[in-house]
Amino acid sequence: MTTARVAERAGLSNGLVHHDFKDKNELIESTIRFSLAEQRNDVLVCVGKAATPIERIWAIIEGNFSERGFTRSIAQGWVSFCGDACFNPRFLRIQKVVYRRMDDNLVFSLRSLLPITEARQVAIDISVLIDGFWMRMALQGFPGREEALGRMRAYLERVFVDFDRGRVSAQPRRKHRANDLTRVVSD
């Protein structure tokens, strides 16, 4: 990606792009910040409807797979940004903030359902699963939103027992019970 190519696709002059952004990294950072703000808003809308800890957990997951945000082009931008974060301290700082916020928000709800050590483990699992689906969307164009959400539901069903309309027993799942989370998502 070059600023000239971005300018061309946006229907702007290269000079105008350089007027607003001193270099490609500043343009990428601004784009990522905008995308993250939209994603944060998507999550907040979902969380605003949640009444129980498990509903808040699901809201965070659902907000990360919003119809508007979970697209191949946005996923490709995120994966490219993550790759550059290995070499760009400003990008790495943003990425660390994103992951810390995700983990903290998940742990906040999970700690009322699980011992804190397990809550942190499950938060990381959820975060890694979300990243994995974003990576696959970027590279392969799938899975789509519904499949990703279905697989996230299946993961949560394996973690929690007695899941019924947002009430969860914090005991580890010993036996898979299908469709428990489907009720919460469809309510």
N, C-alpha and C. Protein backbone atom coordinates (compact mmCIF):
# COMPACT_ATOMS: atom_id res chain seq x y z
N MET A 1 0.84 -1.18 0.00
CA MET A 1 0.00 0.00 0.00
C MET A 1 0.88 1.24 0.00
N THR A 2 0.57 2.14 -0.87
CA THR A 2 1.27 3.42 -0.92
C THR A 2 0.25 4.53 -0.72
N THR A 3 0.74 5.71 -0.30
CA THR A 3 -0.20 6.83 -0.14
C THR A 3 -0.78 7.23 -1.50
N ALA A 4 -0.01 7.08 -2.57
CA ALA A 4 -0.52 7.39 -3.90
C ALA A 4 -1.69 6.47 -4.26
N ARG A 5 -1.57 5.19 -3.93
CA ARG A 5 -2.65 4.24 -4.21
C ARG A 5 -3.89 4.55 -3.37
N VAL A 6 -3.67 4.91 -2.11
CA VAL A 6 -4.79 5.29 -1.24
C VAL A 6 -5.48 6.52 -1.79
N ALA A 7 -4.70 7.51 -2.18
CA ALA A 7 -5.28 8.73 -2.75
C ALA A 7 -6.10 8.42 -4.00
N GLU A 8 -5.56 7.57 -4.85
CA GLU A 8 -6.27 7.20 -6.08
C GLU A 8 -7.60 6.53 -5.78
N ARG A 9 -7.59 5.55 -4.85
CA ARG A 9 -8.82 4.83 -4.50
C ARG A 9 -9.83 5.73 -3.82
N ALA A 10 -9.34 6.75 -3.09
CA ALA A 10 -10.24 7.67 -2.39
C ALA A 10 -10.69 8.81 -3.29
N GLY A 11 -10.12 8.90 -4.49
CA GLY A 11 -10.47 9.98 -5.41
C GLY A 11 -9.90 11.32 -4.99
N LEU A 12 -8.75 11.28 -4.32
CA LEU A 12 -8.08 12.49 -3.85
C LEU A 12 -6.73 12.63 -4.51
N SER A 13 -6.19 13.83 -4.40
CA SER A 13 -4.82 14.01 -4.92
C SER A 13 -3.83 13.49 -3.89
N ASN A 14 -2.68 13.05 -4.36
CA ASN A 14 -1.63 12.57 -3.48
C ASN A 14 -1.19 13.68 -2.52
N GLY A 15 -1.16 14.92 -3.03
CA GLY A 15 -0.78 16.06 -2.21
C GLY A 15 -1.73 16.28 -1.04
N LEU A 16 -3.02 16.08 -1.28
CA LEU A 16 -4.00 16.26 -0.21
C LEU A 16 -3.81 15.21 0.89
N VAL A 17 -3.53 13.98 0.47
CA VAL A 17 -3.29 12.92 1.45
C VAL A 17 -2.05 13.27 2.27
N HIS A 18 -0.99 13.73 1.60
CA HIS A 18 0.24 14.10 2.32
C HIS A 18 0.05 15.33 3.19
N HIS A 19 -0.90 16.17 2.86
CA HIS A 19 -1.20 17.34 3.69
C HIS A 19 -1.76 16.91 5.05
N ASP A 20 -2.63 15.90 5.02
CA ASP A 20 -3.27 15.42 6.26
C ASP A 20 -2.44 14.38 7.00
N PHE A 21 -1.60 13.63 6.29
CA PHE A 21 -0.81 12.56 6.90
C PHE A 21 0.63 12.70 6.43
N LYS A 22 1.56 12.78 7.39
CA LYS A 22 2.95 13.01 7.00
C LYS A 22 3.58 11.82 6.30
N ASP A 23 3.07 10.59 6.60
CA ASP A 23 3.61 9.41 5.94
C ASP A 23 2.59 8.28 5.99
N LYS A 24 2.95 7.17 5.37
CA LYS A 24 2.05 6.02 5.29
C LYS A 24 1.69 5.50 6.68
N ASN A 25 2.65 5.47 7.60
CA ASN A 25 2.37 4.96 8.94
C ASN A 25 1.34 5.81 9.67
N GLU A 26 1.39 7.11 9.48
CA GLU A 26 0.40 7.98 10.12
C GLU A 26 -0.99 7.73 9.53
N LEU A 27 -1.05 7.49 8.24
CA LEU A 27 -2.32 7.17 7.59
C LEU A 27 -2.86 5.83 8.11
N ILE A 28 -2.01 4.83 8.22
CA ILE A 28 -2.43 3.51 8.73
C ILE A 28 -2.90 3.65 10.18
N GLU A 29 -2.13 4.38 10.99
CA GLU A 29 -2.51 4.55 12.39
C GLU A 29 -3.87 5.23 12.51
N SER A 30 -4.09 6.26 11.73
CA SER A 30 -5.37 6.97 11.77
C SER A 30 -6.52 6.05 11.34
N THR A 31 -6.28 5.25 10.31
CA THR A 31 -7.30 4.32 9.82
C THR A 31 -7.61 3.27 10.89
N ILE A 32 -6.59 2.73 11.51
CA ILE A 32 -6.79 1.72 12.55
C ILE A 32 -7.53 2.33 13.73
N ARG A 33 -7.15 3.53 14.15
CA ARG A 33 -7.84 4.18 15.27
C ARG A 33 -9.33 4.39 14.95
N PHE A 34 -9.61 4.80 13.72
CA PHE A 34 -11.01 4.98 13.31
C PHE A 34 -11.76 3.65 13.36
N SER A 35 -11.15 2.61 12.81
CA SER A 35 -11.77 1.29 12.79
C SER A 35 -11.99 0.76 14.21
N LEU A 36 -11.01 0.97 15.08
CA LEU A 36 -11.15 0.52 16.47
C LEU A 36 -12.24 1.29 17.20
N ALA A 37 -12.39 2.57 16.91
CA ALA A 37 -13.46 3.36 17.53
C ALA A 37 -14.83 2.84 17.10
N GLU A 38 -14.95 2.49 15.82
CA GLU A 38 -16.22 1.91 15.35
C GLU A 38 -16.48 0.56 16.01
N GLN A 39 -15.46 -0.25 16.13
CA GLN A 39 -15.62 -1.56 16.77
C GLN A 39 -15.99 -1.39 18.25
N ARG A 40 -15.33 -0.45 18.92
CA ARG A 40 -15.65 -0.18 20.32
C ARG A 40 -17.12 0.22 20.45
N ASN A 41 -17.61 1.06 19.54
CA ASN A 41 -19.01 1.46 19.57
C ASN A 41 -19.93 0.26 19.35
N ASP A 42 -19.56 -0.62 18.44
CA ASP A 42 -20.35 -1.83 18.20
C ASP A 42 -20.42 -2.67 19.47
N VAL A 43 -19.30 -2.82 20.16
CA VAL A 43 -19.27 -3.60 21.41
C VAL A 43 -20.13 -2.91 22.47
N LEU A 44 -20.00 -1.59 22.59
CA LEU A 44 -20.77 -0.86 23.61
C LEU A 44 -22.27 -0.96 23.39
N VAL A 45 -22.70 -0.94 22.14
CA VAL A 45 -24.13 -1.11 21.85
C VAL A 45 -24.59 -2.48 22.33
N CYS A 46 -23.82 -3.50 22.05
CA CYS A 46 -24.16 -4.86 22.49
C CYS A 46 -24.12 -4.96 24.02
N VAL A 47 -23.08 -4.43 24.64
CA VAL A 47 -22.95 -4.51 26.09
C VAL A 47 -24.06 -3.74 26.79
N GLY A 48 -24.51 -2.67 26.18
CA GLY A 48 -25.59 -1.87 26.75
C GLY A 48 -26.89 -2.65 26.92
N LYS A 49 -27.05 -3.72 26.17
CA LYS A 49 -28.26 -4.55 26.25
C LYS A 49 -28.09 -5.74 27.20
N ALA A 50 -26.88 -5.94 27.70
CA ALA A 50 -26.56 -7.11 28.51
C ALA A 50 -26.90 -6.85 29.98
N ALA A 51 -27.50 -7.86 30.63
CA ALA A 51 -27.87 -7.73 32.03
C ALA A 51 -27.07 -8.65 32.95
N THR A 52 -26.53 -9.73 32.42
CA THR A 52 -25.82 -10.70 33.24
C THR A 52 -24.37 -10.80 32.78
N PRO A 53 -23.52 -11.38 33.60
CA PRO A 53 -22.11 -11.53 33.17
C PRO A 53 -21.97 -12.30 31.85
N ILE A 54 -22.71 -13.39 31.68
CA ILE A 54 -22.56 -14.16 30.45
C ILE A 54 -23.09 -13.37 29.25
N GLU A 55 -24.12 -12.58 29.45
CA GLU A 55 -24.61 -11.73 28.37
C GLU A 55 -23.57 -10.67 28.01
N ARG A 56 -22.85 -10.13 29.00
CA ARG A 56 -21.79 -9.16 28.72
C ARG A 56 -20.64 -9.83 27.94
N ILE A 57 -20.30 -11.04 28.33
CA ILE A 57 -19.25 -11.77 27.61
C ILE A 57 -19.68 -11.96 26.16
N TRP A 58 -20.92 -12.41 25.98
CA TRP A 58 -21.42 -12.61 24.62
C TRP A 58 -21.48 -11.30 23.85
N ALA A 59 -21.84 -10.22 24.52
CA ALA A 59 -21.91 -8.91 23.86
C ALA A 59 -20.53 -8.48 23.35
N ILE A 60 -19.50 -8.73 24.14
CA ILE A 60 -18.14 -8.40 23.70
C ILE A 60 -17.78 -9.22 22.47
N ILE A 61 -18.11 -10.49 22.51
CA ILE A 61 -17.83 -11.35 21.35
C ILE A 61 -18.62 -10.88 20.14
N GLU A 62 -19.91 -10.69 20.31
CA GLU A 62 -20.76 -10.28 19.20
C GLU A 62 -20.32 -8.94 18.60
N GLY A 63 -19.94 -8.01 19.47
CA GLY A 63 -19.48 -6.71 18.99
C GLY A 63 -18.20 -6.81 18.17
N ASN A 64 -17.39 -7.80 18.44
CA ASN A 64 -16.16 -8.01 17.67
C ASN A 64 -16.43 -8.64 16.31
N PHE A 65 -17.65 -9.11 16.10
CA PHE A 65 -18.03 -9.69 14.82
C PHE A 65 -19.24 -8.95 14.24
N SER A 66 -19.26 -7.63 14.38
CA SER A 66 -20.40 -6.86 13.88
C SER A 66 -20.51 -7.01 12.37
N GLU A 67 -21.71 -6.88 11.87
CA GLU A 67 -21.92 -6.99 10.42
C GLU A 67 -21.15 -5.91 9.67
N ARG A 68 -21.09 -4.73 10.25
CA ARG A 68 -20.40 -3.62 9.61
C ARG A 68 -18.89 -3.80 9.65
N GLY A 69 -18.37 -4.37 10.73
CA GLY A 69 -16.93 -4.39 10.94
C GLY A 69 -16.21 -5.66 10.53
N PHE A 70 -16.89 -6.79 10.58
CA PHE A 70 -16.22 -8.05 10.29
C PHE A 70 -16.28 -8.33 8.79
N THR A 71 -15.42 -7.61 8.07
CA THR A 71 -15.33 -7.75 6.62
C THR A 71 -13.90 -8.11 6.25
N ARG A 72 -13.74 -8.65 5.08
CA ARG A 72 -12.41 -9.07 4.66
C ARG A 72 -11.45 -7.88 4.56
N SER A 73 -11.90 -6.76 4.00
CA SER A 73 -11.00 -5.62 3.84
C SER A 73 -10.56 -5.05 5.19
N ILE A 74 -11.47 -4.98 6.14
CA ILE A 74 -11.09 -4.48 7.47
C ILE A 74 -10.18 -5.49 8.15
N ALA A 75 -10.48 -6.77 8.00
CA ALA A 75 -9.62 -7.81 8.59
C ALA A 75 -8.22 -7.76 7.98
N GLN A 76 -8.12 -7.54 6.69
CA GLN A 76 -6.81 -7.45 6.05
C GLN A 76 -6.03 -6.25 6.58
N GLY A 77 -6.71 -5.14 6.78
CA GLY A 77 -6.05 -3.97 7.37
C GLY A 77 -5.53 -4.25 8.76
N TRP A 78 -6.35 -4.97 9.56
CA TRP A 78 -5.94 -5.29 10.93
C TRP A 78 -4.73 -6.23 10.94
N VAL A 79 -4.76 -7.25 10.09
CA VAL A 79 -3.65 -8.20 10.05
C VAL A 79 -2.37 -7.50 9.59
N SER A 80 -2.49 -6.63 8.61
CA SER A 80 -1.32 -5.88 8.15
C SER A 80 -0.78 -4.99 9.27
N PHE A 81 -1.68 -4.34 9.97
CA PHE A 81 -1.30 -3.50 11.10
C PHE A 81 -0.58 -4.32 12.17
N CYS A 82 -1.12 -5.50 12.49
CA CYS A 82 -0.50 -6.37 13.50
C CYS A 82 0.90 -6.80 13.07
N GLY A 83 1.05 -7.12 11.80
CA GLY A 83 2.38 -7.48 11.30
C GLY A 83 3.36 -6.33 11.43
N ASP A 84 2.92 -5.13 11.13
CA ASP A 84 3.78 -3.95 11.25
C ASP A 84 4.08 -3.61 12.70
N ALA A 85 3.19 -4.02 13.63
CA ALA A 85 3.40 -3.71 15.05
C ALA A 85 4.68 -4.35 15.59
N CYS A 86 5.14 -5.39 14.94
CA CYS A 86 6.40 -6.02 15.36
C CYS A 86 7.57 -5.06 15.20
N PHE A 87 7.45 -4.10 14.30
CA PHE A 87 8.56 -3.21 13.97
C PHE A 87 8.27 -1.73 14.24
N ASN A 88 7.04 -1.41 14.60
CA ASN A 88 6.64 -0.03 14.80
C ASN A 88 6.14 0.14 16.24
N PRO A 89 6.90 0.84 17.09
CA PRO A 89 6.51 0.97 18.50
C PRO A 89 5.15 1.64 18.70
N ARG A 90 4.78 2.58 17.84
CA ARG A 90 3.46 3.22 17.98
C ARG A 90 2.34 2.23 17.70
N PHE A 91 2.51 1.40 16.68
CA PHE A 91 1.51 0.38 16.37
C PHE A 91 1.43 -0.65 17.49
N LEU A 92 2.60 -1.04 18.01
CA LEU A 92 2.64 -2.02 19.08
C LEU A 92 1.90 -1.51 20.32
N ARG A 93 2.08 -0.23 20.63
CA ARG A 93 1.39 0.37 21.78
C ARG A 93 -0.13 0.30 21.60
N ILE A 94 -0.60 0.63 20.41
CA ILE A 94 -2.05 0.56 20.14
C ILE A 94 -2.54 -0.88 20.28
N GLN A 95 -1.79 -1.81 19.71
CA GLN A 95 -2.19 -3.22 19.78
C GLN A 95 -2.24 -3.70 21.23
N LYS A 96 -1.27 -3.31 22.04
CA LYS A 96 -1.27 -3.70 23.45
C LYS A 96 -2.48 -3.14 24.18
N VAL A 97 -2.85 -1.90 23.88
CA VAL A 97 -4.03 -1.29 24.50
C VAL A 97 -5.29 -2.05 24.11
N VAL A 98 -5.39 -2.41 22.84
CA VAL A 98 -6.56 -3.17 22.37
C VAL A 98 -6.66 -4.50 23.11
N TYR A 99 -5.58 -5.23 23.19
CA TYR A 99 -5.60 -6.53 23.86
C TYR A 99 -5.86 -6.39 25.36
N ARG A 100 -5.26 -5.39 25.98
CA ARG A 100 -5.47 -5.18 27.42
C ARG A 100 -6.94 -4.84 27.69
N ARG A 101 -7.51 -3.99 26.85
CA ARG A 101 -8.92 -3.62 27.03
C ARG A 101 -9.83 -4.85 26.86
N MET A 102 -9.56 -5.64 25.84
CA MET A 102 -10.36 -6.84 25.60
C MET A 102 -10.26 -7.79 26.79
N ASP A 103 -9.03 -8.07 27.23
CA ASP A 103 -8.83 -9.00 28.35
C ASP A 103 -9.49 -8.46 29.62
N ASP A 104 -9.31 -7.17 29.91
CA ASP A 104 -9.90 -6.59 31.13
C ASP A 104 -11.42 -6.66 31.10
N ASN A 105 -12.01 -6.34 29.96
CA ASN A 105 -13.47 -6.39 29.86
C ASN A 105 -14.01 -7.81 30.02
N LEU A 106 -13.34 -8.76 29.43
CA LEU A 106 -13.76 -10.16 29.57
C LEU A 106 -13.57 -10.65 31.01
N VAL A 107 -12.43 -10.36 31.60
CA VAL A 107 -12.15 -10.81 32.96
C VAL A 107 -13.15 -10.19 33.94
N PHE A 108 -13.54 -8.95 33.72
CA PHE A 108 -14.51 -8.30 34.60
C PHE A 108 -15.78 -9.14 34.74
N SER A 109 -16.27 -9.67 33.63
CA SER A 109 -17.48 -10.49 33.68
C SER A 109 -17.18 -11.93 34.07
N LEU A 110 -16.08 -12.46 33.59
CA LEU A 110 -15.74 -13.86 33.87
C LEU A 110 -15.43 -14.10 35.35
N ARG A 111 -14.90 -13.11 36.04
CA ARG A 111 -14.51 -13.33 37.44
C ARG A 111 -15.70 -13.57 38.35
N SER A 112 -16.90 -13.20 37.91
CA SER A 112 -18.09 -13.52 38.72
C SER A 112 -18.58 -14.94 38.44
N LEU A 113 -17.99 -15.57 37.44
CA LEU A 113 -18.40 -16.92 37.06
C LEU A 113 -17.34 -17.98 37.34
N LEU A 114 -16.09 -17.55 37.40
CA LEU A 114 -14.96 -18.47 37.53
C LEU A 114 -13.95 -17.90 38.52
N PRO A 115 -13.12 -18.77 39.10
CA PRO A 115 -11.99 -18.26 39.89
C PRO A 115 -11.12 -17.37 38.99
N ILE A 116 -10.46 -16.38 39.56
CA ILE A 116 -9.74 -15.38 38.78
C ILE A 116 -8.71 -15.98 37.83
N THR A 117 -8.01 -17.01 38.24
CA THR A 117 -7.01 -17.63 37.36
C THR A 117 -7.69 -18.22 36.13
N GLU A 118 -8.80 -18.92 36.34
CA GLU A 118 -9.53 -19.48 35.20
C GLU A 118 -10.17 -18.39 34.36
N ALA A 119 -10.65 -17.33 35.01
CA ALA A 119 -11.25 -16.21 34.28
C ALA A 119 -10.23 -15.60 33.32
N ARG A 120 -9.01 -15.42 33.78
CA ARG A 120 -7.95 -14.88 32.91
C ARG A 120 -7.65 -15.83 31.75
N GLN A 121 -7.62 -17.12 32.03
CA GLN A 121 -7.36 -18.12 30.99
C GLN A 121 -8.45 -18.11 29.92
N VAL A 122 -9.70 -18.10 30.36
CA VAL A 122 -10.82 -18.09 29.41
C VAL A 122 -10.83 -16.78 28.61
N ALA A 123 -10.49 -15.67 29.25
CA ALA A 123 -10.43 -14.39 28.54
C ALA A 123 -9.40 -14.45 27.41
N ILE A 124 -8.24 -15.02 27.71
CA ILE A 124 -7.21 -15.16 26.67
C ILE A 124 -7.70 -16.10 25.57
N ASP A 125 -8.34 -17.20 25.95
CA ASP A 125 -8.87 -18.13 24.95
C ASP A 125 -9.83 -17.42 24.01
N ILE A 126 -10.75 -16.66 24.59
CA ILE A 126 -11.75 -15.94 23.77
C ILE A 126 -11.05 -14.95 22.85
N SER A 127 -10.10 -14.20 23.39
CA SER A 127 -9.38 -13.21 22.60
C SER A 127 -8.61 -13.86 21.45
N VAL A 128 -7.97 -14.97 21.73
CA VAL A 128 -7.20 -15.67 20.69
C VAL A 128 -8.14 -16.25 19.63
N LEU A 129 -9.27 -16.79 20.04
CA LEU A 129 -10.24 -17.30 19.06
C LEU A 129 -10.74 -16.17 18.16
N ILE A 130 -11.05 -15.03 18.75
CA ILE A 130 -11.50 -13.89 17.95
C ILE A 130 -10.41 -13.51 16.95
N ASP A 131 -9.18 -13.38 17.42
CA ASP A 131 -8.07 -13.05 16.51
C ASP A 131 -7.93 -14.08 15.40
N GLY A 132 -8.08 -15.33 15.74
CA GLY A 132 -7.96 -16.38 14.74
C GLY A 132 -9.01 -16.27 13.64
N PHE A 133 -10.24 -15.96 14.03
CA PHE A 133 -11.29 -15.80 13.02
C PHE A 133 -11.03 -14.56 12.17
N TRP A 134 -10.51 -13.49 12.78
CA TRP A 134 -10.16 -12.30 12.00
C TRP A 134 -9.02 -12.62 11.02
N MET A 135 -8.05 -13.39 11.46
CA MET A 135 -6.93 -13.77 10.60
C MET A 135 -7.44 -14.58 9.40
N ARG A 136 -8.29 -15.55 9.68
CA ARG A 136 -8.83 -16.36 8.57
C ARG A 136 -9.67 -15.53 7.62
N MET A 137 -10.45 -14.60 8.18
CA MET A 137 -11.25 -13.73 7.31
C MET A 137 -10.32 -12.93 6.40
N ALA A 138 -9.22 -12.41 6.96
CA ALA A 138 -8.28 -11.62 6.17
C ALA A 138 -7.63 -12.44 5.06
N LEU A 139 -7.22 -13.65 5.40
CA LEU A 139 -6.45 -14.45 4.45
C LEU A 139 -7.31 -15.26 3.50
N GLN A 140 -8.48 -15.73 3.98
CA GLN A 140 -9.28 -16.65 3.17
C GLN A 140 -10.68 -16.14 2.84
N GLY A 141 -11.11 -15.08 3.51
CA GLY A 141 -12.45 -14.56 3.26
C GLY A 141 -13.55 -15.32 4.00
N PHE A 142 -13.20 -16.19 4.88
CA PHE A 142 -14.15 -16.94 5.69
C PHE A 142 -13.44 -17.37 6.97
N PRO A 143 -14.11 -17.78 8.01
CA PRO A 143 -15.55 -17.98 8.10
C PRO A 143 -16.27 -16.64 8.20
N GLY A 144 -17.52 -16.66 7.80
CA GLY A 144 -18.35 -15.48 7.91
C GLY A 144 -18.76 -15.24 9.36
N ARG A 145 -19.48 -14.17 9.54
CA ARG A 145 -19.91 -13.75 10.88
C ARG A 145 -20.68 -14.84 11.60
N GLU A 146 -21.67 -15.41 10.96
CA GLU A 146 -22.51 -16.41 11.63
C GLU A 146 -21.73 -17.65 12.03
N GLU A 147 -20.84 -18.10 11.15
CA GLU A 147 -20.04 -19.28 11.50
C GLU A 147 -19.09 -18.97 12.65
N ALA A 148 -18.46 -17.80 12.61
CA ALA A 148 -17.55 -17.41 13.70
C ALA A 148 -18.32 -17.34 15.02
N LEU A 149 -19.50 -16.72 15.01
CA LEU A 149 -20.29 -16.64 16.24
C LEU A 149 -20.74 -18.03 16.70
N GLY A 150 -21.08 -18.89 15.77
CA GLY A 150 -21.46 -20.26 16.13
C GLY A 150 -20.32 -21.01 16.81
N ARG A 151 -19.13 -20.83 16.29
CA ARG A 151 -17.98 -21.50 16.90
C ARG A 151 -17.64 -20.90 18.26
N MET A 152 -17.84 -19.59 18.41
CA MET A 152 -17.63 -18.96 19.72
C MET A 152 -18.66 -19.49 20.72
N ARG A 153 -19.91 -19.65 20.29
CA ARG A 153 -20.94 -20.23 21.17
C ARG A 153 -20.54 -21.63 21.60
N ALA A 154 -20.05 -22.42 20.65
CA ALA A 154 -19.64 -23.80 20.96
C ALA A 154 -18.51 -23.80 21.99
N TYR A 155 -17.58 -22.87 21.87
CA TYR A 155 -16.51 -22.78 22.86
C TYR A 155 -17.09 -22.48 24.24
N LEU A 156 -17.96 -21.49 24.32
CA LEU A 156 -18.54 -21.13 25.62
C LEU A 156 -19.36 -22.27 26.21
N GLU A 157 -20.02 -23.03 25.36
CA GLU A 157 -20.78 -24.19 25.85
C GLU A 157 -19.85 -25.24 26.45
N ARG A 158 -18.63 -25.33 25.94
CA ARG A 158 -17.68 -26.29 26.51
C ARG A 158 -17.11 -25.79 27.84
N VAL A 159 -17.11 -24.48 28.05
CA VAL A 159 -16.52 -23.91 29.25
C VAL A 159 -17.51 -23.91 30.42
N PHE A 160 -18.77 -23.62 30.14
CA PHE A 160 -19.75 -23.44 31.21
C PHE A 160 -20.80 -24.54 31.21
N VAL A 161 -21.30 -24.86 32.41
CA VAL A 161 -22.39 -25.82 32.55
C VAL A 161 -23.63 -25.08 33.02
N ASP A 162 -24.78 -25.73 32.86
CA ASP A 162 -26.06 -25.18 33.28
C ASP A 162 -26.33 -23.81 32.69
N PHE A 163 -25.97 -23.65 31.45
CA PHE A 163 -26.22 -22.38 30.80
C PHE A 163 -27.68 -22.32 30.39
N ASP A 164 -28.40 -21.37 30.94
CA ASP A 164 -29.82 -21.23 30.62
C ASP A 164 -30.21 -19.78 30.72
N ARG A 165 -30.44 -19.15 29.59
CA ARG A 165 -30.88 -17.76 29.54
C ARG A 165 -29.98 -16.83 30.35
N GLY A 166 -28.68 -17.01 30.20
CA GLY A 166 -27.73 -16.09 30.81
C GLY A 166 -27.28 -16.47 32.20
N ARG A 167 -27.82 -17.55 32.77
CA ARG A 167 -27.36 -17.99 34.09
C ARG A 167 -26.37 -19.12 33.88
N VAL A 168 -25.26 -19.05 34.59
CA VAL A 168 -24.19 -20.01 34.35
C VAL A 168 -23.68 -20.55 35.67
N SER A 169 -23.45 -21.83 35.68
CA SER A 169 -22.71 -22.42 36.79
C SER A 169 -21.25 -22.39 36.38
N ALA A 170 -20.40 -21.98 37.27
CA ALA A 170 -18.99 -21.78 36.93
C ALA A 170 -18.17 -23.06 36.95
N GLN A 171 -18.81 -24.20 37.05
CA GLN A 171 -18.06 -25.45 37.03
C GLN A 171 -17.62 -25.75 35.61
N PRO A 172 -16.43 -26.30 35.46
CA PRO A 172 -15.99 -26.66 34.10
C PRO A 172 -16.95 -27.68 33.48
N ARG A 173 -17.15 -27.55 32.20
CA ARG A 173 -18.04 -28.45 31.48
C ARG A 173 -17.40 -29.82 31.39
N ARG A 174 -18.15 -30.82 31.75
CA ARG A 174 -17.67 -32.19 31.63
C ARG A 174 -18.36 -32.90 30.47
N LYS A 175 -19.52 -32.42 30.12
CA LYS A 175 -20.28 -33.05 29.06
C LYS A 175 -20.87 -31.95 28.18
N HIS A 176 -20.72 -32.07 26.91
CA HIS A 176 -21.21 -31.06 25.97
C HIS A 176 -22.74 -31.07 25.94
N ARG A 177 -23.33 -29.89 26.08
CA ARG A 177 -24.79 -29.75 25.95
C ARG A 177 -25.05 -28.76 24.82
N ALA A 178 -25.59 -29.23 23.75
CA ALA A 178 -25.79 -28.38 22.57
C ALA A 178 -26.89 -27.36 22.80
N ASN A 179 -26.77 -26.24 22.12
CA ASN A 179 -27.77 -25.18 22.03
C ASN A 179 -27.99 -24.38 23.30
N ASP A 180 -27.19 -24.56 24.34
CA ASP A 180 -27.37 -23.75 25.54
C ASP A 180 -27.21 -22.27 25.24
N LEU A 181 -26.13 -21.90 24.56
CA LEU A 181 -25.89 -20.49 24.29
C LEU A 181 -26.82 -19.94 23.22
N THR A 182 -27.35 -20.77 22.38
CA THR A 182 -28.24 -20.32 21.33
C THR A 182 -29.44 -19.58 21.92
N ARG A 183 -29.90 -20.03 23.06
CA ARG A 183 -31.04 -19.36 23.70
C ARG A 183 -30.71 -17.93 24.06
N VAL A 184 -29.53 -17.67 24.60
CA VAL A 184 -29.16 -16.30 24.97
C VAL A 184 -29.02 -15.43 23.74
N VAL A 185 -28.38 -15.96 22.72
CA VAL A 185 -28.15 -15.20 21.51
C VAL A 185 -29.47 -14.87 20.83
N SER A 186 -30.43 -15.77 20.88
CA SER A 186 -31.69 -15.52 20.20
C SER A 186 -32.67 -14.73 21.05
N ASP A 187 -32.44 -14.60 22.35
CA ASP A 187 -33.34 -13.82 23.21
C ASP A 187 -33.22 -12.34 22.94
